[in-house]
Amino acid sequence: MSGLKEAAARRGTFWQSMRAVAWSFFGVRRGADHQRDVERLNPLHVVIAGLIGAGVFIALLVLLVRWVVGSGIAAG
């Protein structure tokens, strides 16, 4: 249990967590940067940032599909 408390007490900012999640969505990350994130970021921030990132990604996909369908490109 102390490991969880220690991880939650990390001082990484929410912005750093958002940046790490954005890089993970992109799929490109250096090993040294990943290791630094693991040591510094608060797991709760990472989970919240991941949920926000997933919501933004889904919203962008919905907007893209609506744009394609509405423009007539999808009509064969």
PDB file of N, CA and C in Angstrom:
ATOM      1  N   MET A   1       0.816  -1.188   0.000  1.00  0.00           N
ATOM      2  CA  MET A   1       0.000   0.000   0.000  1.00  0.00           C
ATOM      3  C   MET A   1       0.860   1.252   0.000  1.00  0.00           C
ATOM      4  N   SER A   2       2.040   1.185   0.610  1.00  0.00           N
ATOM      5  CA  SER A   2       2.888   2.369   0.670  1.00  0.00           C
ATOM      6  C   SER A   2       3.382   2.753  -0.723  1.00  0.00           C
ATOM      7  N   GLY A   3       3.530   1.779  -1.612  1.00  0.00           N
ATOM      8  CA  GLY A   3       3.937   2.075  -2.981  1.00  0.00           C
ATOM      9  C   GLY A   3       2.911   2.931  -3.707  1.00  0.00           C
ATOM     10  N   LEU A   4       1.632   2.658  -3.451  1.00  0.00           N
ATOM     11  CA  LEU A   4       0.565   3.445  -4.062  1.00  0.00           C
ATOM     12  C   LEU A   4       0.553   4.865  -3.511  1.00  0.00           C
ATOM     13  N   LYS A   5       0.736   4.996  -2.206  1.00  0.00           N
ATOM     14  CA  LYS A   5       0.784   6.325  -1.597  1.00  0.00           C
ATOM     15  C   LYS A   5       1.985   7.107  -2.107  1.00  0.00           C
ATOM     16  N   GLU A   6       3.096   6.421  -2.264  1.00  0.00           N
ATOM     17  CA  GLU A   6       4.306   7.070  -2.784  1.00  0.00           C
ATOM     18  C   GLU A   6       4.091   7.536  -4.224  1.00  0.00           C
ATOM     19  N   ALA A   7       3.459   6.717  -5.038  1.00  0.00           N
ATOM     20  CA  ALA A   7       3.201   7.086  -6.428  1.00  0.00           C
ATOM     21  C   ALA A   7       2.244   8.263  -6.514  1.00  0.00           C
ATOM     22  N   ALA A   8       1.220   8.282  -5.653  1.00  0.00           N
ATOM     23  CA  ALA A   8       0.249   9.369  -5.676  1.00  0.00           C
ATOM     24  C   ALA A   8       0.844  10.678  -5.182  1.00  0.00           C
ATOM     25  N   ALA A   9       1.925  10.621  -4.434  1.00  0.00           N
ATOM     26  CA  ALA A   9       2.559  11.826  -3.900  1.00  0.00           C
ATOM     27  C   ALA A   9       3.585  12.421  -4.857  1.00  0.00           C
ATOM     28  N   ARG A  10       3.759  11.840  -6.017  1.00  0.00           N
ATOM     29  CA  ARG A  10       4.733  12.372  -6.974  1.00  0.00           C
ATOM     30  C   ARG A  10       4.358  13.780  -7.381  1.00  0.00           C
ATOM     31  N   ARG A  11       5.349  14.576  -7.719  1.00  0.00           N
ATOM     32  CA  ARG A  11       5.162  15.999  -7.968  1.00  0.00           C
ATOM     33  C   ARG A  11       4.963  16.365  -9.435  1.00  0.00           C
ATOM     34  N   GLY A  12       4.829  15.418 -10.310  1.00  0.00           N
ATOM     35  CA  GLY A  12       4.617  15.738 -11.721  1.00  0.00           C
ATOM     36  C   GLY A  12       3.336  16.543 -11.905  1.00  0.00           C
ATOM     37  N   THR A  13       3.365  17.488 -12.827  1.00  0.00           N
ATOM     38  CA  THR A  13       2.196  18.337 -13.056  1.00  0.00           C
ATOM     39  C   THR A  13       1.205  17.652 -13.980  1.00  0.00           C
ATOM     40  N   PHE A  14      -0.014  18.167 -13.964  1.00  0.00           N
ATOM     41  CA  PHE A  14      -1.043  17.615 -14.842  1.00  0.00           C
ATOM     42  C   PHE A  14      -0.671  17.851 -16.305  1.00  0.00           C
ATOM     43  N   TRP A  15      -0.057  18.986 -16.609  1.00  0.00           N
ATOM     44  CA  TRP A  15       0.365  19.277 -17.989  1.00  0.00           C
ATOM     45  C   TRP A  15       1.395  18.248 -18.470  1.00  0.00           C
ATOM     46  N   GLN A  16       2.324  17.858 -17.617  1.00  0.00           N
ATOM     47  CA  GLN A  16       3.305  16.831 -17.978  1.00  0.00           C
ATOM     48  C   GLN A  16       2.603  15.506 -18.271  1.00  0.00           C
ATOM     49  N   SER A  17       1.571  15.208 -17.491  1.00  0.00           N
ATOM     50  CA  SER A  17       0.800  13.984 -17.723  1.00  0.00           C
ATOM     51  C   SER A  17       0.068  14.054 -19.062  1.00  0.00           C
ATOM     52  N   MET A  18      -0.531  15.207 -19.367  1.00  0.00           N
ATOM     53  CA  MET A  18      -1.224  15.375 -20.654  1.00  0.00           C
ATOM     54  C   MET A  18      -0.246  15.200 -21.810  1.00  0.00           C
ATOM     55  N   ARG A  19       0.946  15.768 -21.674  1.00  0.00           N
ATOM     56  CA  ARG A  19       1.948  15.648 -22.735  1.00  0.00           C
ATOM     57  C   ARG A  19       2.375  14.192 -22.920  1.00  0.00           C
ATOM     58  N   ALA A  20       2.573  13.467 -21.819  1.00  0.00           N
ATOM     59  CA  ALA A  20       2.959  12.054 -21.899  1.00  0.00           C
ATOM     60  C   ALA A  20       1.863  11.226 -22.552  1.00  0.00           C
ATOM     61  N   VAL A  21       0.607  11.506 -22.212  1.00  0.00           N
ATOM     62  CA  VAL A  21      -0.516  10.783 -22.816  1.00  0.00           C
ATOM     63  C   VAL A  21      -0.622  11.109 -24.305  1.00  0.00           C
ATOM     64  N   ALA A  22      -0.417  12.373 -24.667  1.00  0.00           N
ATOM     65  CA  ALA A  22      -0.464  12.754 -26.082  1.00  0.00           C
ATOM     66  C   ALA A  22       0.612  12.011 -26.873  1.00  0.00           C
ATOM     67  N   TRP A  23       1.810  11.917 -26.326  1.00  0.00           N
ATOM     68  CA  TRP A  23       2.866  11.168 -27.007  1.00  0.00           C
ATOM     69  C   TRP A  23       2.500   9.694 -27.124  1.00  0.00           C
ATOM     70  N   SER A  24       1.831   9.159 -26.120  1.00  0.00           N
ATOM     71  CA  SER A  24       1.458   7.741 -26.188  1.00  0.00           C
ATOM     72  C   SER A  24       0.377   7.508 -27.241  1.00  0.00           C
ATOM     73  N   PHE A  25      -0.537   8.467 -27.422  1.00  0.00           N
ATOM     74  CA  PHE A  25      -1.528   8.344 -28.491  1.00  0.00           C
ATOM     75  C   PHE A  25      -0.839   8.396 -29.853  1.00  0.00           C
ATOM     76  N   PHE A  26       0.186   9.217 -29.960  1.00  0.00           N
ATOM     77  CA  PHE A  26       0.931   9.339 -31.208  1.00  0.00           C
ATOM     78  C   PHE A  26       1.756   8.084 -31.480  1.00  0.00           C
ATOM     79  N   GLY A  27       2.215   7.438 -30.424  1.00  0.00           N
ATOM     80  CA  GLY A  27       2.910   6.163 -30.565  1.00  0.00           C
ATOM     81  C   GLY A  27       4.411   6.246 -30.670  1.00  0.00           C
ATOM     82  N   VAL A  28       4.974   7.428 -30.426  1.00  0.00           N
ATOM     83  CA  VAL A  28       6.418   7.581 -30.526  1.00  0.00           C
ATOM     84  C   VAL A  28       6.922   8.118 -29.189  1.00  0.00           C
ATOM     85  N   ARG A  29       7.834   7.380 -28.571  1.00  0.00           N
ATOM     86  CA  ARG A  29       8.339   7.806 -27.262  1.00  0.00           C
ATOM     87  C   ARG A  29       9.717   7.210 -27.051  1.00  0.00           C
ATOM     88  N   ARG A  30      10.668   8.023 -26.635  1.00  0.00           N
ATOM     89  CA  ARG A  30      12.001   7.515 -26.334  1.00  0.00           C
ATOM     90  C   ARG A  30      11.968   6.782 -25.000  1.00  0.00           C
ATOM     91  N   GLY A  31      12.800   5.762 -24.875  1.00  0.00           N
ATOM     92  CA  GLY A  31      12.839   4.974 -23.651  1.00  0.00           C
ATOM     93  C   GLY A  31      13.213   5.796 -22.429  1.00  0.00           C
ATOM     94  N   ALA A  32      14.162   6.718 -22.589  1.00  0.00           N
ATOM     95  CA  ALA A  32      14.593   7.555 -21.465  1.00  0.00           C
ATOM     96  C   ALA A  32      13.456   8.468 -21.005  1.00  0.00           C
ATOM     97  N   ASP A  33      12.701   9.017 -21.937  1.00  0.00           N
ATOM     98  CA  ASP A  33      11.571   9.869 -21.586  1.00  0.00           C
ATOM     99  C   ASP A  33      10.486   9.067 -20.876  1.00  0.00           C
ATOM    100  N   HIS A  34      10.248   7.861 -21.348  1.00  0.00           N
ATOM    101  CA  HIS A  34       9.248   6.994 -20.703  1.00  0.00           C
ATOM    102  C   HIS A  34       9.652   6.687 -19.266  1.00  0.00           C
ATOM    103  N   GLN A  35      10.905   6.339 -19.068  1.00  0.00           N
ATOM    104  CA  GLN A  35      11.380   6.018 -17.724  1.00  0.00           C
ATOM    105  C   GLN A  35      11.269   7.231 -16.804  1.00  0.00           C
ATOM    106  N   ARG A  36      11.592   8.419 -17.314  1.00  0.00           N
ATOM    107  CA  ARG A  36      11.482   9.639 -16.517  1.00  0.00           C
ATOM    108  C   ARG A  36      10.024   9.886 -16.131  1.00  0.00           C
ATOM    109  N   ASP A  37       9.109   9.650 -17.059  1.00  0.00           N
ATOM    110  CA  ASP A  37       7.681   9.822 -16.772  1.00  0.00           C
ATOM    111  C   ASP A  37       7.212   8.852 -15.695  1.00  0.00           C
ATOM    112  N   VAL A  38       7.656   7.619 -15.772  1.00  0.00           N
ATOM    113  CA  VAL A  38       7.255   6.605 -14.794  1.00  0.00           C
ATOM    114  C   VAL A  38       7.705   7.018 -13.394  1.00  0.00           C
ATOM    115  N   GLU A  39       8.860   7.616 -13.292  1.00  0.00           N
ATOM    116  CA  GLU A  39       9.398   8.011 -11.994  1.00  0.00           C
ATOM    117  C   GLU A  39       8.770   9.303 -11.471  1.00  0.00           C
ATOM    118  N   ARG A  40       8.295  10.172 -12.361  1.00  0.00           N
ATOM    119  CA  ARG A  40       7.877  11.506 -11.951  1.00  0.00           C
ATOM    120  C   ARG A  40       6.367  11.716 -11.903  1.00  0.00           C
ATOM    121  N   LEU A  41       5.607  11.125 -12.814  1.00  0.00           N
ATOM    122  CA  LEU A  41       4.194  11.473 -12.959  1.00  0.00           C
ATOM    123  C   LEU A  41       3.305  10.807 -11.918  1.00  0.00           C
ATOM    124  N   ASN A  42       2.268  11.506 -11.543  1.00  0.00           N
ATOM    125  CA  ASN A  42       1.263  11.013 -10.616  1.00  0.00           C
ATOM    126  C   ASN A  42       0.300  10.110 -11.398  1.00  0.00           C
ATOM    127  N   PRO A  43       0.109   8.859 -10.977  1.00  0.00           N
ATOM    128  CA  PRO A  43      -0.764   7.941 -11.723  1.00  0.00           C
ATOM    129  C   PRO A  43      -2.200   8.451 -11.884  1.00  0.00           C
ATOM    130  N   LEU A  44      -2.717   9.146 -10.879  1.00  0.00           N
ATOM    131  CA  LEU A  44      -4.062   9.694 -10.979  1.00  0.00           C
ATOM    132  C   LEU A  44      -4.142  10.722 -12.097  1.00  0.00           C
ATOM    133  N   HIS A  45      -3.129  11.569 -12.227  1.00  0.00           N
ATOM    134  CA  HIS A  45      -3.089  12.548 -13.314  1.00  0.00           C
ATOM    135  C   HIS A  45      -3.054  11.851 -14.670  1.00  0.00           C
ATOM    136  N   VAL A  46      -2.295  10.757 -14.749  1.00  0.00           N
ATOM    137  CA  VAL A  46      -2.176  10.036 -16.021  1.00  0.00           C
ATOM    138  C   VAL A  46      -3.522   9.427 -16.421  1.00  0.00           C
ATOM    139  N   VAL A  47      -4.245   8.862 -15.452  1.00  0.00           N
ATOM    140  CA  VAL A  47      -5.560   8.268 -15.747  1.00  0.00           C
ATOM    141  C   VAL A  47      -6.531   9.345 -16.218  1.00  0.00           C
ATOM    142  N   ILE A  48      -6.570  10.470 -15.519  1.00  0.00           N
ATOM    143  CA  ILE A  48      -7.470  11.559 -15.917  1.00  0.00           C
ATOM    144  C   ILE A  48      -7.076  12.105 -17.281  1.00  0.00           C
ATOM    145  N   ALA A  49      -5.781  12.294 -17.509  1.00  0.00           N
ATOM    146  CA  ALA A  49      -5.310  12.788 -18.804  1.00  0.00           C
ATOM    147  C   ALA A  49      -5.658  11.799 -19.917  1.00  0.00           C
ATOM    148  N   GLY A  50      -5.567  10.500 -19.632  1.00  0.00           N
ATOM    149  CA  GLY A  50      -5.923   9.487 -20.621  1.00  0.00           C
ATOM    150  C   GLY A  50      -7.402   9.524 -20.971  1.00  0.00           C
ATOM    151  N   LEU A  51      -8.239   9.720 -19.965  1.00  0.00           N
ATOM    152  CA  LEU A  51      -9.686   9.820 -20.228  1.00  0.00           C
ATOM    153  C   LEU A  51     -10.002  11.072 -21.051  1.00  0.00           C
ATOM    154  N   ILE A  52      -9.365  12.184 -20.719  1.00  0.00           N
ATOM    155  CA  ILE A  52      -9.561  13.414 -21.497  1.00  0.00           C
ATOM    156  C   ILE A  52      -9.070  13.213 -22.925  1.00  0.00           C
ATOM    157  N   GLY A  53      -7.893  12.603 -23.069  1.00  0.00           N
ATOM    158  CA  GLY A  53      -7.348  12.345 -24.404  1.00  0.00           C
ATOM    159  C   GLY A  53      -8.239  11.438 -25.227  1.00  0.00           C
ATOM    160  N   ALA A  54      -8.777  10.400 -24.607  1.00  0.00           N
ATOM    161  CA  ALA A  54      -9.676   9.494 -25.323  1.00  0.00           C
ATOM    162  C   ALA A  54     -10.956  10.214 -25.730  1.00  0.00           C
ATOM    163  N   GLY A  55     -11.490  11.064 -24.842  1.00  0.00           N
ATOM    164  CA  GLY A  55     -12.693  11.834 -25.180  1.00  0.00           C
ATOM    165  C   GLY A  55     -12.465  12.781 -26.343  1.00  0.00           C
ATOM    166  N   VAL A  56     -11.321  13.459 -26.339  1.00  0.00           N
ATOM    167  CA  VAL A  56     -10.988  14.372 -27.442  1.00  0.00           C
ATOM    168  C   VAL A  56     -10.827  13.582 -28.742  1.00  0.00           C
ATOM    169  N   PHE A  57     -10.164  12.427 -28.673  1.00  0.00           N
ATOM    170  CA  PHE A  57      -9.965  11.592 -29.855  1.00  0.00           C
ATOM    171  C   PHE A  57     -11.299  11.127 -30.435  1.00  0.00           C
ATOM    172  N   ILE A  58     -12.196  10.679 -29.582  1.00  0.00           N
ATOM    173  CA  ILE A  58     -13.515  10.230 -30.038  1.00  0.00           C
ATOM    174  C   ILE A  58     -14.300  11.390 -30.637  1.00  0.00           C
ATOM    175  N   ALA A  59     -14.253  12.557 -29.996  1.00  0.00           N
ATOM    176  CA  ALA A  59     -14.956  13.727 -30.519  1.00  0.00           C
ATOM    177  C   ALA A  59     -14.422  14.115 -31.904  1.00  0.00           C
ATOM    178  N   LEU A  60     -13.101  14.060 -32.082  1.00  0.00           N
ATOM    179  CA  LEU A  60     -12.530  14.377 -33.390  1.00  0.00           C
ATOM    180  C   LEU A  60     -12.967  13.368 -34.454  1.00  0.00           C
ATOM    181  N   LEU A  61     -13.023  12.093 -34.086  1.00  0.00           N
ATOM    182  CA  LEU A  61     -13.489  11.085 -35.041  1.00  0.00           C
ATOM    183  C   LEU A  61     -14.947  11.311 -35.429  1.00  0.00           C
ATOM    184  N   VAL A  62     -15.791  11.634 -34.455  1.00  0.00           N
ATOM    185  CA  VAL A  62     -17.203  11.901 -34.739  1.00  0.00           C
ATOM    186  C   VAL A  62     -17.334  13.111 -35.659  1.00  0.00           C
ATOM    187  N   LEU A  63     -16.581  14.174 -35.375  1.00  0.00           N
ATOM    188  CA  LEU A  63     -16.626  15.361 -36.236  1.00  0.00           C
ATOM    189  C   LEU A  63     -16.142  15.051 -37.646  1.00  0.00           C
ATOM    190  N   LEU A  64     -15.092  14.248 -37.764  1.00  0.00           N
ATOM    191  CA  LEU A  64     -14.583  13.873 -39.081  1.00  0.00           C
ATOM    192  C   LEU A  64     -15.623  13.075 -39.862  1.00  0.00           C
ATOM    193  N   VAL A  65     -16.256  12.108 -39.214  1.00  0.00           N
ATOM    194  CA  VAL A  65     -17.273  11.304 -39.892  1.00  0.00           C
ATOM    195  C   VAL A  65     -18.455  12.168 -40.307  1.00  0.00           C
ATOM    196  N   ARG A  66     -18.901  13.067 -39.440  1.00  0.00           N
ATOM    197  CA  ARG A  66     -20.012  13.959 -39.793  1.00  0.00           C
ATOM    198  C   ARG A  66     -19.646  14.851 -40.973  1.00  0.00           C
ATOM    199  N   TRP A  67     -18.412  15.341 -40.996  1.00  0.00           N
ATOM    200  CA  TRP A  67     -17.968  16.189 -42.103  1.00  0.00           C
ATOM    201  C   TRP A  67     -17.945  15.401 -43.419  1.00  0.00           C
ATOM    202  N   VAL A  68     -17.400  14.173 -43.372  1.00  0.00           N
ATOM    203  CA  VAL A  68     -17.320  13.368 -44.593  1.00  0.00           C
ATOM    204  C   VAL A  68     -18.703  13.001 -45.102  1.00  0.00           C
ATOM    205  N   VAL A  69     -19.588  12.590 -44.214  1.00  0.00           N
ATOM    206  CA  VAL A  69     -20.954  12.209 -44.615  1.00  0.00           C
ATOM    207  C   VAL A  69     -21.717  13.434 -45.115  1.00  0.00           C
ATOM    208  N   GLY A  70     -21.554  14.562 -44.437  1.00  0.00           N
ATOM    209  CA  GLY A  70     -22.266  15.765 -44.835  1.00  0.00           C
ATOM    210  C   GLY A  70     -21.769  16.384 -46.129  1.00  0.00           C
ATOM    211  N   SER A  71     -20.517  16.160 -46.471  1.00  0.00           N
ATOM    212  CA  SER A  71     -19.962  16.759 -47.683  1.00  0.00           C
ATOM    213  C   SER A  71     -20.319  15.970 -48.942  1.00  0.00           C
ATOM    214  N   GLY A  72     -20.830  14.783 -48.788  1.00  0.00           N
ATOM    215  CA  GLY A  72     -21.175  13.967 -49.941  1.00  0.00           C
ATOM    216  C   GLY A  72     -20.046  13.125 -50.465  1.00  0.00           C
ATOM    217  N   ILE A  73     -18.889  13.196 -49.851  1.00  0.00           N
ATOM    218  CA  ILE A  73     -17.744  12.388 -50.284  1.00  0.00           C
ATOM    219  C   ILE A  73     -18.038  10.909 -50.110  1.00  0.00           C
ATOM    220  N   ALA A  74     -18.758  10.573 -49.059  1.00  0.00           N
ATOM    221  CA  ALA A  74     -19.032   9.167 -48.748  1.00  0.00           C
ATOM    222  C   ALA A  74     -20.069   8.557 -49.691  1.00  0.00           C
ATOM    223  N   ALA A  75     -20.875   9.395 -50.342  1.00  0.00           N
ATOM    224  CA  ALA A  75     -21.885   8.868 -51.260  1.00  0.00           C
ATOM    225  C   ALA A  75     -21.207   8.458 -52.552  1.00  0.00           C
ATOM    226  N   GLY A  76     -21.284   7.217 -52.858  1.00  0.00           N
ATOM    227  CA  GLY A  76     -20.574   6.661 -53.997  1.00  0.00           C
ATOM    228  C   GLY A  76     -21.185   7.039 -55.240  1.00  0.00           C
TER     229      GLY A  76
END
